């Protein structure tokens, strides 16, 4: 039963499948590392920017970051 559910979820919605793996106990660090190893640099940058984790977004409100040395 669970096998059928997992196979359908993996085939139809790999994002939800990945979240499901964390919910059943897989390490988020392990999953993150596995995904990052397969992603291109451009895909990683896009993901970081989309989630406002890039340096420009993270330090947008920090005036010290933008001062030239």
N, C-alpha and C. Protein backbone atom coordinates (compact mmCIF):
# COMPACT_ATOMS: atom_id res chain seq x y z
N UNK A 1 0.83 -1.20 0.00
CA UNK A 1 0.00 0.00 0.00
C UNK A 1 0.87 1.26 0.00
N UNK A 2 1.78 1.37 0.98
CA UNK A 2 2.64 2.54 1.05
C UNK A 2 3.53 2.63 -0.19
N UNK A 3 3.93 1.47 -0.69
CA UNK A 3 4.79 1.45 -1.88
C UNK A 3 4.07 2.10 -3.06
N UNK A 4 2.81 1.75 -3.27
CA UNK A 4 2.03 2.34 -4.37
C UNK A 4 1.88 3.85 -4.18
N UNK A 5 1.59 4.28 -2.95
CA UNK A 5 1.45 5.70 -2.65
C UNK A 5 2.75 6.44 -2.97
N UNK A 6 3.87 5.89 -2.50
CA UNK A 6 5.15 6.55 -2.70
C UNK A 6 5.52 6.61 -4.18
N UNK A 7 5.28 5.54 -4.91
CA UNK A 7 5.61 5.53 -6.34
C UNK A 7 4.76 6.55 -7.10
N UNK A 8 3.49 6.65 -6.78
CA UNK A 8 2.62 7.62 -7.45
C UNK A 8 3.03 9.04 -7.10
N UNK A 9 3.32 9.28 -5.83
CA UNK A 9 3.74 10.61 -5.39
C UNK A 9 5.05 11.00 -6.07
N UNK A 10 6.00 10.08 -6.11
CA UNK A 10 7.29 10.33 -6.75
C UNK A 10 7.12 10.65 -8.23
N UNK A 11 6.28 9.89 -8.91
CA UNK A 11 6.06 10.10 -10.35
C UNK A 11 5.30 11.39 -10.64
N UNK A 12 4.29 11.68 -9.83
CA UNK A 12 3.40 12.82 -10.11
C UNK A 12 3.83 14.13 -9.48
N UNK A 13 4.52 14.07 -8.36
CA UNK A 13 4.88 15.29 -7.65
C UNK A 13 6.16 15.08 -6.83
N UNK A 14 7.32 15.12 -7.49
CA UNK A 14 8.56 14.85 -6.77
C UNK A 14 8.86 15.84 -5.64
N UNK A 15 8.35 17.05 -5.74
CA UNK A 15 8.55 18.00 -4.63
C UNK A 15 7.85 17.51 -3.37
N UNK A 16 6.59 17.15 -3.50
CA UNK A 16 5.86 16.63 -2.34
C UNK A 16 6.47 15.33 -1.84
N UNK A 17 6.97 14.51 -2.75
CA UNK A 17 7.64 13.28 -2.34
C UNK A 17 8.85 13.59 -1.48
N UNK A 18 9.60 14.60 -1.85
CA UNK A 18 10.79 14.99 -1.08
C UNK A 18 10.39 15.47 0.31
N UNK A 19 9.34 16.27 0.38
CA UNK A 19 8.84 16.72 1.70
C UNK A 19 8.36 15.52 2.50
N UNK A 20 7.69 14.60 1.85
CA UNK A 20 7.22 13.38 2.50
C UNK A 20 8.39 12.61 3.12
N UNK A 21 9.51 12.52 2.40
CA UNK A 21 10.69 11.82 2.93
C UNK A 21 11.15 12.44 4.25
N UNK A 22 11.12 13.76 4.34
CA UNK A 22 11.52 14.41 5.60
C UNK A 22 10.50 14.11 6.70
N UNK A 23 9.25 14.01 6.33
CA UNK A 23 8.20 13.75 7.32
C UNK A 23 8.29 12.34 7.88
N UNK A 24 8.83 11.41 7.10
CA UNK A 24 8.94 10.03 7.61
C UNK A 24 10.32 9.76 8.19
N UNK A 25 11.15 10.81 8.32
CA UNK A 25 12.37 10.66 9.08
C UNK A 25 13.69 10.79 8.35
N UNK A 26 13.67 10.97 7.04
CA UNK A 26 14.94 11.17 6.34
C UNK A 26 15.53 12.52 6.72
N UNK A 27 16.83 12.57 6.83
CA UNK A 27 17.53 13.79 7.22
C UNK A 27 17.41 14.86 6.14
N UNK A 28 17.01 16.06 6.55
CA UNK A 28 16.94 17.17 5.59
C UNK A 28 18.32 17.51 5.07
N UNK A 29 19.35 17.36 5.90
CA UNK A 29 20.72 17.61 5.43
C UNK A 29 21.11 16.64 4.32
N UNK A 30 20.75 15.38 4.50
CA UNK A 30 21.05 14.36 3.48
C UNK A 30 20.33 14.68 2.17
N UNK A 31 19.05 15.01 2.27
CA UNK A 31 18.26 15.29 1.07
C UNK A 31 18.78 16.55 0.38
N UNK A 32 19.06 17.60 1.14
CA UNK A 32 19.59 18.83 0.57
C UNK A 32 20.89 18.56 -0.16
N UNK A 33 21.79 17.84 0.45
CA UNK A 33 23.08 17.53 -0.17
C UNK A 33 22.88 16.72 -1.45
N UNK A 34 22.01 15.74 -1.41
CA UNK A 34 21.75 14.92 -2.60
C UNK A 34 21.22 15.76 -3.76
N UNK A 35 20.29 16.67 -3.45
CA UNK A 35 19.71 17.50 -4.50
C UNK A 35 20.73 18.51 -5.04
N UNK A 36 21.49 19.12 -4.15
CA UNK A 36 22.48 20.11 -4.58
C UNK A 36 23.56 19.49 -5.47
N UNK A 37 23.91 18.25 -5.20
CA UNK A 37 24.92 17.58 -6.02
C UNK A 37 24.46 17.39 -7.46
N UNK A 38 23.16 17.35 -7.68
CA UNK A 38 22.61 17.12 -9.02
C UNK A 38 22.18 18.40 -9.74
N UNK A 39 22.09 19.50 -9.01
CA UNK A 39 21.61 20.75 -9.60
C UNK A 39 22.76 21.54 -10.23
N UNK A 40 22.45 22.22 -11.32
CA UNK A 40 23.45 23.11 -11.93
C UNK A 40 23.61 24.35 -11.06
N UNK A 41 24.72 25.07 -11.27
CA UNK A 41 24.92 26.32 -10.53
C UNK A 41 23.77 27.30 -10.77
N UNK A 42 23.30 27.37 -12.00
CA UNK A 42 22.20 28.28 -12.32
C UNK A 42 20.93 27.90 -11.57
N UNK A 43 20.64 26.61 -11.47
CA UNK A 43 19.44 26.18 -10.74
C UNK A 43 19.56 26.50 -9.25
N UNK A 44 20.76 26.33 -8.71
CA UNK A 44 20.96 26.65 -7.29
C UNK A 44 20.78 28.14 -7.07
N UNK A 45 21.40 28.97 -7.94
CA UNK A 45 21.25 30.43 -7.80
C UNK A 45 19.77 30.83 -7.90
N UNK A 46 19.07 30.27 -8.88
CA UNK A 46 17.65 30.59 -9.05
C UNK A 46 16.85 30.23 -7.80
N UNK A 47 17.13 29.07 -7.22
CA UNK A 47 16.41 28.65 -6.02
C UNK A 47 16.70 29.57 -4.84
N UNK A 48 17.97 29.95 -4.69
CA UNK A 48 18.33 30.86 -3.61
C UNK A 48 17.67 32.22 -3.79
N UNK A 49 17.70 32.74 -5.00
CA UNK A 49 17.07 34.04 -5.27
C UNK A 49 15.56 33.98 -5.09
N UNK A 50 14.93 32.91 -5.52
CA UNK A 50 13.47 32.77 -5.39
C UNK A 50 13.04 32.75 -3.93
N UNK A 51 13.92 32.27 -3.08
CA UNK A 51 13.61 32.20 -1.65
C UNK A 51 14.30 33.28 -0.83
N UNK A 52 14.81 34.29 -1.53
CA UNK A 52 15.47 35.44 -0.92
C UNK A 52 16.60 35.03 0.02
N UNK A 53 17.40 34.06 -0.42
CA UNK A 53 18.54 33.61 0.35
C UNK A 53 19.87 34.02 -0.28
N UNK A 54 19.81 34.75 -1.38
CA UNK A 54 21.01 35.25 -2.03
C UNK A 54 21.54 36.45 -1.23
N UNK A 55 22.82 36.81 -1.41
CA UNK A 55 23.40 37.91 -0.61
C UNK A 55 22.65 39.23 -0.75
N UNK A 56 22.20 39.57 -1.94
CA UNK A 56 21.50 40.84 -2.12
C UNK A 56 20.23 40.87 -1.28
N UNK A 57 19.46 39.81 -1.31
CA UNK A 57 18.22 39.77 -0.53
C UNK A 57 18.48 39.70 0.97
N UNK A 58 19.44 38.88 1.35
CA UNK A 58 19.71 38.70 2.79
C UNK A 58 20.22 39.96 3.45
N UNK A 59 21.00 40.77 2.73
CA UNK A 59 21.62 41.94 3.33
C UNK A 59 21.03 43.25 2.81
N UNK A 60 19.88 43.17 2.22
CA UNK A 60 19.23 44.34 1.62
C UNK A 60 19.12 45.50 2.60
N UNK A 61 18.79 45.21 3.84
CA UNK A 61 18.56 46.26 4.84
C UNK A 61 19.77 46.52 5.76
N UNK A 62 20.92 45.96 5.41
CA UNK A 62 22.12 46.13 6.24
C UNK A 62 23.06 47.12 5.57
N UNK A 63 23.07 48.39 6.01
CA UNK A 63 23.89 49.40 5.36
C UNK A 63 25.38 49.11 5.42
N UNK A 64 25.83 48.40 6.47
CA UNK A 64 27.25 48.06 6.59
C UNK A 64 27.70 47.13 5.46
N UNK A 65 26.82 46.29 5.00
CA UNK A 65 27.16 45.35 3.93
C UNK A 65 27.48 46.09 2.64
N UNK A 66 26.82 47.18 2.41
CA UNK A 66 26.94 47.90 1.14
C UNK A 66 28.04 48.95 1.12
N UNK A 67 28.63 49.20 2.28
CA UNK A 67 29.72 50.18 2.33
C UNK A 67 30.96 49.61 1.66
N UNK A 68 31.60 50.42 0.84
CA UNK A 68 32.84 49.97 0.21
C UNK A 68 33.98 50.11 1.20
N UNK A 69 34.89 49.14 1.17
CA UNK A 69 36.02 49.19 2.09
C UNK A 69 37.16 49.96 1.48
